[in-house]
Amino acid sequence: MTNDDLPLEISVSEVKCLLDEQADFVLLDCREQGEWDLVKIDGAQLLPMSEMQARVAELLPHAEDHVVVYCHHGMRSLQVTQWLLSQDFKQCQSMAGGIDAWSSRIDGSLPRYG
């Protein structure tokens, strides 16, 4: 599967289904450490957008894998997704609405922040 088959964005409900099915994908949080410390989605790994270019080698083992990127509202993750695609990552998607949408639609126990 190439990204030609995947929309650029994926909904929070679709990501929840992937997690529930224990699908083989990488959930990548591109927020900053302070935001991660406030709230995160279980199973995600943190790689802040501000460090992405310097640390992209950490993601190279996943260049062929399905990677779902999220941030606070979905803007940074969209930029990161587009950048990863330009770096020959094959199956990247941005989680529309970010962790804010996740907190309001999927897991109301997670705190929301401004």
PDB file of N, CA and C in Angstrom:
ATOM      1  N   MET A   1       0.850  -1.183   0.000  1.00  0.00           N
ATOM      2  CA  MET A   1       0.000   0.000   0.000  1.00  0.00           C
ATOM      3  C   MET A   1       0.890   1.238   0.000  1.00  0.00           C
ATOM      4  N   THR A   2       0.580   2.175  -0.858  1.00  0.00           N
ATOM      5  CA  THR A   2       1.305   3.444  -0.870  1.00  0.00           C
ATOM      6  C   THR A   2       0.377   4.530  -0.377  1.00  0.00           C
ATOM      7  N   ASN A   3       0.923   5.713  -0.147  1.00  0.00           N
ATOM      8  CA  ASN A   3       0.081   6.781   0.365  1.00  0.00           C
ATOM      9  C   ASN A   3      -0.968   7.211  -0.666  1.00  0.00           C
ATOM     10  N   ASP A   4      -0.778   6.821  -1.935  1.00  0.00           N
ATOM     11  CA  ASP A   4      -1.799   7.117  -2.937  1.00  0.00           C
ATOM     12  C   ASP A   4      -3.137   6.496  -2.541  1.00  0.00           C
ATOM     13  N   ASP A   5      -3.063   5.434  -1.761  1.00  0.00           N
ATOM     14  CA  ASP A   5      -4.273   4.742  -1.324  1.00  0.00           C
ATOM     15  C   ASP A   5      -4.843   5.326  -0.033  1.00  0.00           C
ATOM     16  N   LEU A   6      -4.080   6.159   0.637  1.00  0.00           N
ATOM     17  CA  LEU A   6      -4.486   6.696   1.936  1.00  0.00           C
ATOM     18  C   LEU A   6      -4.803   8.182   1.829  1.00  0.00           C
ATOM     19  N   PRO A   7      -5.903   8.618   2.443  1.00  0.00           N
ATOM     20  CA  PRO A   7      -6.120  10.060   2.540  1.00  0.00           C
ATOM     21  C   PRO A   7      -5.057  10.677   3.450  1.00  0.00           C
ATOM     22  N   LEU A   8      -4.795  11.955   3.278  1.00  0.00           N
ATOM     23  CA  LEU A   8      -3.776  12.635   4.073  1.00  0.00           C
ATOM     24  C   LEU A   8      -4.152  12.663   5.554  1.00  0.00           C
ATOM     25  N   GLU A   9      -5.465  12.710   5.830  1.00  0.00           N
ATOM     26  CA  GLU A   9      -5.927  12.740   7.218  1.00  0.00           C
ATOM     27  C   GLU A   9      -6.735  11.491   7.542  1.00  0.00           C
ATOM     28  N   ILE A  10      -6.708  11.138   8.815  1.00  0.00           N
ATOM     29  CA  ILE A  10      -7.464  10.009   9.349  1.00  0.00           C
ATOM     30  C   ILE A  10      -8.234  10.527  10.554  1.00  0.00           C
ATOM     31  N   SER A  11      -9.454  10.057  10.742  1.00  0.00           N
ATOM     32  CA  SER A  11     -10.283  10.540  11.853  1.00  0.00           C
ATOM     33  C   SER A  11      -9.873   9.886  13.172  1.00  0.00           C
ATOM     34  N   VAL A  12     -10.242  10.540  14.264  1.00  0.00           N
ATOM     35  CA  VAL A  12      -9.947   9.964  15.582  1.00  0.00           C
ATOM     36  C   VAL A  12     -10.656   8.625  15.758  1.00  0.00           C
ATOM     37  N   SER A  13     -11.848   8.481  15.206  1.00  0.00           N
ATOM     38  CA  SER A  13     -12.558   7.199  15.342  1.00  0.00           C
ATOM     39  C   SER A  13     -11.848   6.091  14.563  1.00  0.00           C
ATOM     40  N   GLU A  14     -11.270   6.435  13.407  1.00  0.00           N
ATOM     41  CA  GLU A  14     -10.509   5.432  12.655  1.00  0.00           C
ATOM     42  C   GLU A  14      -9.239   5.026  13.413  1.00  0.00           C
ATOM     43  N   VAL A  15      -8.587   5.991  14.057  1.00  0.00           N
ATOM     44  CA  VAL A  15      -7.388   5.676  14.846  1.00  0.00           C
ATOM     45  C   VAL A  15      -7.762   4.805  16.031  1.00  0.00           C
ATOM     46  N   LYS A  16      -8.894   5.109  16.666  1.00  0.00           N
ATOM     47  CA  LYS A  16      -9.376   4.281  17.785  1.00  0.00           C
ATOM     48  C   LYS A  16      -9.593   2.845  17.320  1.00  0.00           C
ATOM     49  N   CYS A  17     -10.166   2.666  16.134  1.00  0.00           N
ATOM     50  CA  CYS A  17     -10.361   1.313  15.583  1.00  0.00           C
ATOM     51  C   CYS A  17      -9.026   0.612  15.368  1.00  0.00           C
ATOM     52  N   LEU A  18      -8.034   1.329  14.840  1.00  0.00           N
ATOM     53  CA  LEU A  18      -6.705   0.738  14.642  1.00  0.00           C
ATOM     54  C   LEU A  18      -6.123   0.269  15.976  1.00  0.00           C
ATOM     55  N   LEU A  19      -6.260   1.097  17.006  1.00  0.00           N
ATOM     56  CA  LEU A  19      -5.750   0.725  18.334  1.00  0.00           C
ATOM     57  C   LEU A  19      -6.514  -0.475  18.886  1.00  0.00           C
ATOM     58  N   ASP A  20      -7.836  -0.444  18.767  1.00  0.00           N
ATOM     59  CA  ASP A  20      -8.656  -1.539  19.282  1.00  0.00           C
ATOM     60  C   ASP A  20      -8.334  -2.865  18.577  1.00  0.00           C
ATOM     61  N   GLU A  21      -8.024  -2.773  17.278  1.00  0.00           N
ATOM     62  CA  GLU A  21      -7.697  -3.971  16.500  1.00  0.00           C
ATOM     63  C   GLU A  21      -6.240  -4.387  16.670  1.00  0.00           C
ATOM     64  N   GLN A  22      -5.493  -3.610  17.455  1.00  0.00           N
ATOM     65  CA  GLN A  22      -4.055  -3.822  17.633  1.00  0.00           C
ATOM     66  C   GLN A  22      -3.361  -3.902  16.278  1.00  0.00           C
ATOM     67  N   ALA A  23      -3.767  -3.006  15.388  1.00  0.00           N
ATOM     68  CA  ALA A  23      -3.190  -2.940  14.045  1.00  0.00           C
ATOM     69  C   ALA A  23      -1.712  -2.578  14.142  1.00  0.00           C
ATOM     70  N   ASP A  24      -0.986  -2.980  13.142  1.00  0.00           N
ATOM     71  CA  ASP A  24       0.452  -2.714  13.091  1.00  0.00           C
ATOM     72  C   ASP A  24       0.669  -1.331  12.489  1.00  0.00           C
ATOM     73  N   PHE A  25       0.793  -0.326  13.347  1.00  0.00           N
ATOM     74  CA  PHE A  25       1.046   1.034  12.899  1.00  0.00           C
ATOM     75  C   PHE A  25       1.782   1.786  13.998  1.00  0.00           C
ATOM     76  N   VAL A  26       2.365   2.925  13.621  1.00  0.00           N
ATOM     77  CA  VAL A  26       3.088   3.766  14.570  1.00  0.00           C
ATOM     78  C   VAL A  26       2.228   4.985  14.859  1.00  0.00           C
ATOM     79  N   LEU A  27       1.962   5.240  16.135  1.00  0.00           N
ATOM     80  CA  LEU A  27       1.231   6.430  16.552  1.00  0.00           C
ATOM     81  C   LEU A  27       2.267   7.424  17.057  1.00  0.00           C
ATOM     82  N   LEU A  28       2.440   8.502  16.323  1.00  0.00           N
ATOM     83  CA  LEU A  28       3.519   9.456  16.575  1.00  0.00           C
ATOM     84  C   LEU A  28       2.955  10.788  17.039  1.00  0.00           C
ATOM     85  N   ASP A  29       3.341  11.205  18.223  1.00  0.00           N
ATOM     86  CA  ASP A  29       2.935  12.489  18.793  1.00  0.00           C
ATOM     87  C   ASP A  29       4.023  13.503  18.460  1.00  0.00           C
ATOM     88  N   CYS A  30       3.662  14.560  17.729  1.00  0.00           N
ATOM     89  CA  CYS A  30       4.667  15.558  17.336  1.00  0.00           C
ATOM     90  C   CYS A  30       4.575  16.832  18.171  1.00  0.00           C
ATOM     91  N   ARG A  31       3.863  16.764  19.307  1.00  0.00           N
ATOM     92  CA  ARG A  31       3.793  17.928  20.200  1.00  0.00           C
ATOM     93  C   ARG A  31       5.100  18.044  20.981  1.00  0.00           C
ATOM     94  N   GLU A  32       5.206  19.071  21.783  1.00  0.00           N
ATOM     95  CA  GLU A  32       6.402  19.280  22.595  1.00  0.00           C
ATOM     96  C   GLU A  32       6.294  18.508  23.918  1.00  0.00           C
ATOM     97  N   GLN A  33       7.444  18.319  24.561  1.00  0.00           N
ATOM     98  CA  GLN A  33       7.507  17.533  25.804  1.00  0.00           C
ATOM     99  C   GLN A  33       6.508  18.022  26.853  1.00  0.00           C
ATOM    100  N   GLY A  34       6.381  19.323  27.027  1.00  0.00           N
ATOM    101  CA  GLY A  34       5.455  19.863  28.028  1.00  0.00           C
ATOM    102  C   GLY A  34       4.010  19.487  27.759  1.00  0.00           C
ATOM    103  N   GLU A  35       3.626  19.445  26.478  1.00  0.00           N
ATOM    104  CA  GLU A  35       2.268  19.034  26.115  1.00  0.00           C
ATOM    105  C   GLU A  35       2.078  17.547  26.369  1.00  0.00           C
ATOM    106  N   TRP A  36       3.081  16.768  26.014  1.00  0.00           N
ATOM    107  CA  TRP A  36       3.078  15.303  26.238  1.00  0.00           C
ATOM    108  C   TRP A  36       2.907  15.011  27.721  1.00  0.00           C
ATOM    109  N   ASP A  37       3.599  15.796  28.571  1.00  0.00           N
ATOM    110  CA  ASP A  37       3.522  15.591  30.018  1.00  0.00           C
ATOM    111  C   ASP A  37       2.111  15.851  30.548  1.00  0.00           C
ATOM    112  N   LEU A  38       1.348  16.722  29.874  1.00  0.00           N
ATOM    113  CA  LEU A  38      -0.022  17.015  30.295  1.00  0.00           C
ATOM    114  C   LEU A  38      -0.984  15.885  29.947  1.00  0.00           C
ATOM    115  N   VAL A  39      -0.873  15.377  28.727  1.00  0.00           N
ATOM    116  CA  VAL A  39      -1.812  14.363  28.248  1.00  0.00           C
ATOM    117  C   VAL A  39      -1.223  13.681  27.020  1.00  0.00           C
ATOM    118  N   LYS A  40      -1.451  12.376  26.930  1.00  0.00           N
ATOM    119  CA  LYS A  40      -0.989  11.620  25.764  1.00  0.00           C
ATOM    120  C   LYS A  40      -1.917  10.434  25.539  1.00  0.00           C
ATOM    121  N   ILE A  41      -1.808   9.846  24.359  1.00  0.00           N
ATOM    122  CA  ILE A  41      -2.583   8.658  24.016  1.00  0.00           C
ATOM    123  C   ILE A  41      -1.694   7.449  24.275  1.00  0.00           C
ATOM    124  N   ASP A  42      -2.202   6.489  25.031  1.00  0.00           N
ATOM    125  CA  ASP A  42      -1.431   5.281  25.334  1.00  0.00           C
ATOM    126  C   ASP A  42      -0.972   4.615  24.037  1.00  0.00           C
ATOM    127  N   GLY A  43       0.282   4.228  24.025  1.00  0.00           N
ATOM    128  CA  GLY A  43       0.836   3.552  22.861  1.00  0.00           C
ATOM    129  C   GLY A  43       1.546   4.478  21.890  1.00  0.00           C
ATOM    130  N   ALA A  44       1.418   5.773  22.105  1.00  0.00           N
ATOM    131  CA  ALA A  44       2.071   6.734  21.207  1.00  0.00           C
ATOM    132  C   ALA A  44       3.540   6.904  21.581  1.00  0.00           C
ATOM    133  N   GLN A  45       4.325   7.351  20.615  1.00  0.00           N
ATOM    134  CA  GLN A  45       5.705   7.731  20.912  1.00  0.00           C
ATOM    135  C   GLN A  45       5.867   9.203  20.581  1.00  0.00           C
ATOM    136  N   LEU A  46       6.669   9.883  21.377  1.00  0.00           N
ATOM    137  CA  LEU A  46       6.872  11.324  21.234  1.00  0.00           C
ATOM    138  C   LEU A  46       8.098  11.610  20.380  1.00  0.00           C
ATOM    139  N   LEU A  47       7.901  12.439  19.361  1.00  0.00           N
ATOM    140  CA  LEU A  47       9.002  13.007  18.591  1.00  0.00           C
ATOM    141  C   LEU A  47       8.552  14.404  18.192  1.00  0.00           C
ATOM    142  N   PRO A  48       8.934  15.415  19.007  1.00  0.00           N
ATOM    143  CA  PRO A  48       8.438  16.774  18.769  1.00  0.00           C
ATOM    144  C   PRO A  48       8.769  17.294  17.371  1.00  0.00           C
ATOM    145  N   MET A  49       7.836  18.050  16.815  1.00  0.00           N
ATOM    146  CA  MET A  49       8.033  18.648  15.504  1.00  0.00           C
ATOM    147  C   MET A  49       9.328  19.453  15.464  1.00  0.00           C
ATOM    148  N   SER A  50       9.629  20.142  16.562  1.00  0.00           N
ATOM    149  CA  SER A  50      10.825  20.986  16.612  1.00  0.00           C
ATOM    150  C   SER A  50      12.122  20.183  16.508  1.00  0.00           C
ATOM    151  N   GLU A  51      12.047  18.873  16.767  1.00  0.00           N
ATOM    152  CA  GLU A  51      13.225  18.005  16.723  1.00  0.00           C
ATOM    153  C   GLU A  51      13.177  17.022  15.550  1.00  0.00           C
ATOM    154  N   MET A  52      12.109  17.089  14.756  1.00  0.00           N
ATOM    155  CA  MET A  52      11.856  16.087  13.719  1.00  0.00           C
ATOM    156  C   MET A  52      13.014  15.959  12.732  1.00  0.00           C
ATOM    157  N   GLN A  53      13.488  17.067  12.175  1.00  0.00           N
ATOM    158  CA  GLN A  53      14.545  16.977  11.169  1.00  0.00           C
ATOM    159  C   GLN A  53      15.819  16.374  11.761  1.00  0.00           C
ATOM    160  N   ALA A  54      16.152  16.759  12.977  1.00  0.00           N
ATOM    161  CA  ALA A  54      17.378  16.258  13.610  1.00  0.00           C
ATOM    162  C   ALA A  54      17.262  14.792  14.013  1.00  0.00           C
ATOM    163  N   ARG A  55      16.040  14.320  14.271  1.00  0.00           N
ATOM    164  CA  ARG A  55      15.856  12.974  14.807  1.00  0.00           C
ATOM    165  C   ARG A  55      15.125  12.025  13.864  1.00  0.00           C
ATOM    166  N   VAL A  56      14.952  12.419  12.604  1.00  0.00           N
ATOM    167  CA  VAL A  56      14.179  11.592  11.673  1.00  0.00           C
ATOM    168  C   VAL A  56      14.768  10.190  11.533  1.00  0.00           C
ATOM    169  N   ALA A  57      16.068  10.039  11.750  1.00  0.00           N
ATOM    170  CA  ALA A  57      16.697   8.714  11.645  1.00  0.00           C
ATOM    171  C   ALA A  57      16.035   7.705  12.582  1.00  0.00           C
ATOM    172  N   GLU A  58      15.497   8.178  13.708  1.00  0.00           N
ATOM    173  CA  GLU A  58      14.815   7.288  14.646  1.00  0.00           C
ATOM    174  C   GLU A  58      13.571   6.661  14.011  1.00  0.00           C
ATOM    175  N   LEU A  59      13.015   7.333  13.012  1.00  0.00           N
ATOM    176  CA  LEU A  59      11.803   6.841  12.361  1.00  0.00           C
ATOM    177  C   LEU A  59      12.085   6.001  11.123  1.00  0.00           C
ATOM    178  N   LEU A  60      13.318   6.014  10.642  1.00  0.00           N
ATOM    179  CA  LEU A  60      13.629   5.306   9.392  1.00  0.00           C
ATOM    180  C   LEU A  60      13.222   3.838   9.381  1.00  0.00           C
ATOM    181  N   PRO A  61      13.306   3.117  10.512  1.00  0.00           N
ATOM    182  CA  PRO A  61      12.836   1.728  10.489  1.00  0.00           C
ATOM    183  C   PRO A  61      11.341   1.609  10.142  1.00  0.00           C
ATOM    184  N   HIS A  62      10.607   2.729  10.229  1.00  0.00           N
ATOM    185  CA  HIS A  62       9.165   2.726   9.969  1.00  0.00           C
ATOM    186  C   HIS A  62       8.809   3.368   8.630  1.00  0.00           C
ATOM    187  N   ALA A  63       9.798   3.555   7.756  1.00  0.00           N
ATOM    188  CA  ALA A  63       9.561   4.250   6.487  1.00  0.00           C
ATOM    189  C   ALA A  63       8.512   3.559   5.622  1.00  0.00           C
ATOM    190  N   GLU A  64       8.374   2.249   5.766  1.00  0.00           N
ATOM    191  CA  GLU A  64       7.394   1.496   4.970  1.00  0.00           C
ATOM    192  C   GLU A  64       6.107   1.241   5.748  1.00  0.00           C
ATOM    193  N   ASP A  65       6.110   1.564   7.039  1.00  0.00           N
ATOM    194  CA  ASP A  65       4.968   1.258   7.910  1.00  0.00           C
ATOM    195  C   ASP A  65       3.911   2.356   7.863  1.00  0.00           C
ATOM    196  N   HIS A  66       2.726   2.015   8.335  1.00  0.00           N
ATOM    197  CA  HIS A  66       1.663   3.007   8.499  1.00  0.00           C
ATOM    198  C   HIS A  66       2.018   3.864   9.717  1.00  0.00           C
ATOM    199  N   VAL A  67       2.143   5.164   9.508  1.00  0.00           N
ATOM    200  CA  VAL A  67       2.473   6.107  10.581  1.00  0.00           C
ATOM    201  C   VAL A  67       1.330   7.108  10.686  1.00  0.00           C
ATOM    202  N   VAL A  68       0.755   7.225  11.878  1.00  0.00           N
ATOM    203  CA  VAL A  68      -0.286   8.217  12.146  1.00  0.00           C
ATOM    204  C   VAL A  68       0.310   9.245  13.089  1.00  0.00           C
ATOM    205  N   VAL A  69       0.304  10.495  12.648  1.00  0.00           N
ATOM    206  CA  VAL A  69       0.894  11.592  13.417  1.00  0.00           C
ATOM    207  C   VAL A  69      -0.225  12.414  14.043  1.00  0.00           C
ATOM    208  N   TYR A  70      -0.048  12.803  15.308  1.00  0.00           N
ATOM    209  CA  TYR A  70      -1.023  13.710  15.911  1.00  0.00           C
ATOM    210  C   TYR A  70      -0.326  14.808  16.702  1.00  0.00           C
ATOM    211  N   CYS A  71      -1.069  15.894  16.897  1.00  0.00           N
ATOM    212  CA  CYS A  71      -0.591  17.025  17.698  1.00  0.00           C
ATOM    213  C   CYS A  71      -1.771  17.510  18.535  1.00  0.00           C
ATOM    214  N   HIS A  72      -1.842  18.798  18.828  1.00  0.00           N
ATOM    215  CA  HIS A  72      -2.921  19.326  19.654  1.00  0.00           C
ATOM    216  C   HIS A  72      -4.230  19.417  18.868  1.00  0.00           C
ATOM    217  N   HIS A  73      -4.214  20.103  17.727  1.00  0.00           N
ATOM    218  CA  HIS A  73      -5.433  20.299  16.940  1.00  0.00           C
ATOM    219  C   HIS A  73      -5.353  19.751  15.516  1.00  0.00           C
ATOM    220  N   GLY A  74      -4.187  19.267  15.101  1.00  0.00           N
ATOM    221  CA  GLY A  74      -4.080  18.669  13.780  1.00  0.00           C
ATOM    222  C   GLY A  74      -3.328  19.497  12.745  1.00  0.00           C
ATOM    223  N   MET A  75      -2.843  20.677  13.125  1.00  0.00           N
ATOM    224  CA  MET A  75      -2.124  21.514  12.165  1.00  0.00           C
ATOM    225  C   MET A  75      -0.651  21.096  12.049  1.00  0.00           C
ATOM    226  N   ARG A  76       0.021  20.969  13.186  1.00  0.00           N
ATOM    227  CA  ARG A  76       1.426  20.543  13.152  1.00  0.00           C
ATOM    228  C   ARG A  76       1.556  19.143  12.583  1.00  0.00           C
ATOM    229  N   SER A  77       0.627  18.263  12.965  1.00  0.00           N
ATOM    230  CA  SER A  77       0.717  16.883  12.478  1.00  0.00           C
ATOM    231  C   SER A  77       0.538  16.820  10.962  1.00  0.00           C
ATOM    232  N   LEU A  78      -0.265  17.713  10.409  1.00  0.00           N
ATOM    233  CA  LEU A  78      -0.426  17.757   8.958  1.00  0.00           C
ATOM    234  C   LEU A  78       0.887  18.176   8.292  1.00  0.00           C
ATOM    235  N   GLN A  79       1.558  19.155   8.873  1.00  0.00           N
ATOM    236  CA  GLN A  79       2.863  19.583   8.345  1.00  0.00           C
ATOM    237  C   GLN A  79       3.892  18.459   8.454  1.00  0.00           C
ATOM    238  N   VAL A  80       3.927  17.787   9.595  1.00  0.00           N
ATOM    239  CA  VAL A  80       4.874  16.684   9.798  1.00  0.00           C
ATOM    240  C   VAL A  80       4.573  15.553   8.821  1.00  0.00           C
ATOM    241  N   THR A  81       3.296  15.237   8.640  1.00  0.00           N
ATOM    242  CA  THR A  81       2.904  14.180   7.710  1.00  0.00           C
ATOM    243  C   THR A  81       3.386  14.503   6.296  1.00  0.00           C
ATOM    244  N   GLN A  82       3.142  15.726   5.867  1.00  0.00           N
ATOM    245  CA  GLN A  82       3.580  16.112   4.524  1.00  0.00           C
ATOM    246  C   GLN A  82       5.100  16.062   4.404  1.00  0.00           C
ATOM    247  N   TRP A  83       5.800  16.476   5.445  1.00  0.00           N
ATOM    248  CA  TRP A  83       7.261  16.428   5.421  1.00  0.00           C
ATOM    249  C   TRP A  83       7.757  14.985   5.367  1.00  0.00           C
ATOM    250  N   LEU A  84       7.169  14.105   6.187  1.00  0.00           N
ATOM    251  CA  LEU A  84       7.578  12.693   6.167  1.00  0.00           C
ATOM    252  C   LEU A  84       7.332  12.075   4.792  1.00  0.00           C
ATOM    253  N   LEU A  85       6.211  12.403   4.174  1.00  0.00           N
ATOM    254  CA  LEU A  85       5.944  11.891   2.827  1.00  0.00           C
ATOM    255  C   LEU A  85       7.020  12.367   1.853  1.00  0.00           C
ATOM    256  N   SER A  86       7.480  13.598   2.024  1.00  0.00           N
ATOM    257  CA  SER A  86       8.536  14.126   1.153  1.00  0.00           C
ATOM    258  C   SER A  86       9.883  13.458   1.424  1.00  0.00           C
ATOM    259  N   GLN A  87       9.996  12.797   2.578  1.00  0.00           N
ATOM    260  CA  GLN A  87      11.216  12.074   2.946  1.00  0.00           C
ATOM    261  C   GLN A  87      11.099  10.579   2.616  1.00  0.00           C
ATOM    262  N   ASP A  88      10.161  10.238   1.765  1.00  0.00           N
ATOM    263  CA  ASP A  88       9.949   8.870   1.283  1.00  0.00           C
ATOM    264  C   ASP A  88       9.339   7.919   2.299  1.00  0.00           C
ATOM    265  N   PHE A  89       8.662   8.460   3.316  1.00  0.00           N
ATOM    266  CA  PHE A  89       7.827   7.605   4.155  1.00  0.00           C
ATOM    267  C   PHE A  89       6.580   7.313   3.329  1.00  0.00           C
ATOM    268  N   LYS A  90       6.155   6.067   3.312  1.00  0.00           N
ATOM    269  CA  LYS A  90       5.164   5.631   2.327  1.00  0.00           C
ATOM    270  C   LYS A  90       3.710   5.745   2.783  1.00  0.00           C
ATOM    271  N   GLN A  91       3.443   5.606   4.072  1.00  0.00           N
ATOM    272  CA  GLN A  91       2.066   5.498   4.552  1.00  0.00           C
ATOM    273  C   GLN A  91       1.827   6.386   5.764  1.00  0.00           C
ATOM    274  N   CYS A  92       1.908   7.691   5.580  1.00  0.00           N
ATOM    275  CA  CYS A  92       1.723   8.630   6.691  1.00  0.00           C
ATOM    276  C   CYS A  92       0.364   9.306   6.606  1.00  0.00           C
ATOM    277  N   GLN A  93      -0.235   9.473   7.767  1.00  0.00           N
ATOM    278  CA  GLN A  93      -1.497  10.203   7.871  1.00  0.00           C
ATOM    279  C   GLN A  93      -1.473  11.076   9.114  1.00  0.00           C
ATOM    280  N   SER A  94      -2.197  12.170   9.048  1.00  0.00           N
ATOM    281  CA  SER A  94      -2.359  13.072  10.183  1.00  0.00           C
ATOM    282  C   SER A  94      -3.719  12.802  10.817  1.00  0.00           C
ATOM    283  N   MET A  95      -3.753  12.711  12.146  1.00  0.00           N
ATOM    284  CA  MET A  95      -5.019  12.501  12.844  1.00  0.00           C
ATOM    285  C   MET A  95      -5.762  13.832  12.931  1.00  0.00           C
ATOM    286  N   ALA A  96      -6.847  13.931  12.190  1.00  0.00           N
ATOM    287  CA  ALA A  96      -7.631  15.168  12.120  1.00  0.00           C
ATOM    288  C   ALA A  96      -8.135  15.571  13.505  1.00  0.00           C
ATOM    289  N   GLY A  97      -7.930  16.823  13.860  1.00  0.00           N
ATOM    290  CA  GLY A  97      -8.424  17.343  15.133  1.00  0.00           C
ATOM    291  C   GLY A  97      -7.489  17.139  16.304  1.00  0.00           C
ATOM    292  N   GLY A  98      -6.462  16.296  16.126  1.00  0.00           N
ATOM    293  CA  GLY A  98      -5.450  16.085  17.149  1.00  0.00           C
ATOM    294  C   GLY A  98      -5.982  15.501  18.444  1.00  0.00           C
ATOM    295  N   ILE A  99      -5.170  15.649  19.483  1.00  0.00           N
ATOM    296  CA  ILE A  99      -5.540  15.061  20.776  1.00  0.00           C
ATOM    297  C   ILE A  99      -6.736  15.782  21.390  1.00  0.00           C
ATOM    298  N   ASP A 100      -6.986  17.022  20.955  1.00  0.00           N
ATOM    299  CA  ASP A 100      -8.160  17.734  21.452  1.00  0.00           C
ATOM    300  C   ASP A 100      -9.430  17.012  20.986  1.00  0.00           C
ATOM    301  N   ALA A 101      -9.464  16.618  19.720  1.00  0.00           N
ATOM    302  CA  ALA A 101     -10.618  15.866  19.208  1.00  0.00           C
ATOM    303  C   ALA A 101     -10.692  14.492  19.870  1.00  0.00           C
ATOM    304  N   TRP A 102      -9.529  13.875  20.109  1.00  0.00           N
ATOM    305  CA  TRP A 102      -9.495  12.572  20.784  1.00  0.00           C
ATOM    306  C   TRP A 102     -10.129  12.697  22.174  1.00  0.00           C
ATOM    307  N   SER A 103      -9.761  13.744  22.913  1.00  0.00           N
ATOM    308  CA  SER A 103     -10.292  13.955  24.272  1.00  0.00           C
ATOM    309  C   SER A 103     -11.795  14.200  24.252  1.00  0.00           C
ATOM    310  N   SER A 104     -12.271  14.940  23.252  1.00  0.00           N
ATOM    311  CA  SER A 104     -13.698  15.270  23.239  1.00  0.00           C
ATOM    312  C   SER A 104     -14.560  14.157  22.643  1.00  0.00           C
ATOM    313  N   ARG A 105     -14.013  13.353  21.723  1.00  0.00           N
ATOM    314  CA  ARG A 105     -14.844  12.355  21.030  1.00  0.00           C
ATOM    315  C   ARG A 105     -14.573  10.908  21.424  1.00  0.00           C
ATOM    316  N   ILE A 106     -13.355  10.617  21.873  1.00  0.00           N
ATOM    317  CA  ILE A 106     -12.984   9.215  22.121  1.00  0.00           C
ATOM    318  C   ILE A 106     -12.808   8.924  23.609  1.00  0.00           C
ATOM    319  N   ASP A 107     -11.992   9.712  24.282  1.00  0.00           N
ATOM    320  CA  ASP A 107     -11.653   9.435  25.690  1.00  0.00           C
ATOM    321  C   ASP A 107     -11.801  10.701  26.525  1.00  0.00           C
ATOM    322  N   GLY A 108     -13.003  10.891  27.055  1.00  0.00           N
ATOM    323  CA  GLY A 108     -13.309  12.079  27.843  1.00  0.00           C
ATOM    324  C   GLY A 108     -12.558  12.159  29.157  1.00  0.00           C
ATOM    325  N   SER A 109     -11.870  11.081  29.540  1.00  0.00           N
ATOM    326  CA  SER A 109     -11.100  11.117  30.789  1.00  0.00           C
ATOM    327  C   SER A 109      -9.772  11.875  30.594  1.00  0.00           C
ATOM    328  N   LEU A 110      -9.372  12.068  29.342  1.00  0.00           N
ATOM    329  CA  LEU A 110      -8.122  12.799  29.087  1.00  0.00           C
ATOM    330  C   LEU A 110      -8.369  14.288  29.180  1.00  0.00           C
ATOM    331  N   PRO A 111      -7.498  14.994  29.889  1.00  0.00           N
ATOM    332  CA  PRO A 111      -7.700  16.438  30.025  1.00  0.00           C
ATOM    333  C   PRO A 111      -7.473  17.170  28.706  1.00  0.00           C
ATOM    334  N   ARG A 112      -8.219  18.244  28.521  1.00  0.00           N
ATOM    335  CA  ARG A 112      -8.014  19.108  27.378  1.00  0.00           C
ATOM    336  C   ARG A 112      -7.271  20.348  27.878  1.00  0.00           C
ATOM    337  N   TYR A 113      -6.540  20.960  26.996  1.00  0.00           N
ATOM    338  CA  TYR A 113      -5.782  22.153  27.389  1.00  0.00           C
ATOM    339  C   TYR A 113      -5.867  23.193  26.292  1.00  0.00           C
ATOM    340  N   GLY A 114      -5.586  24.455  26.655  1.00  0.00           N
ATOM    341  CA  GLY A 114      -5.739  25.576  25.718  1.00  0.00           C
ATOM    342  C   GLY A 114      -4.555  25.759  24.898  1.00  0.00           C
TER     343      GLY A 114
END
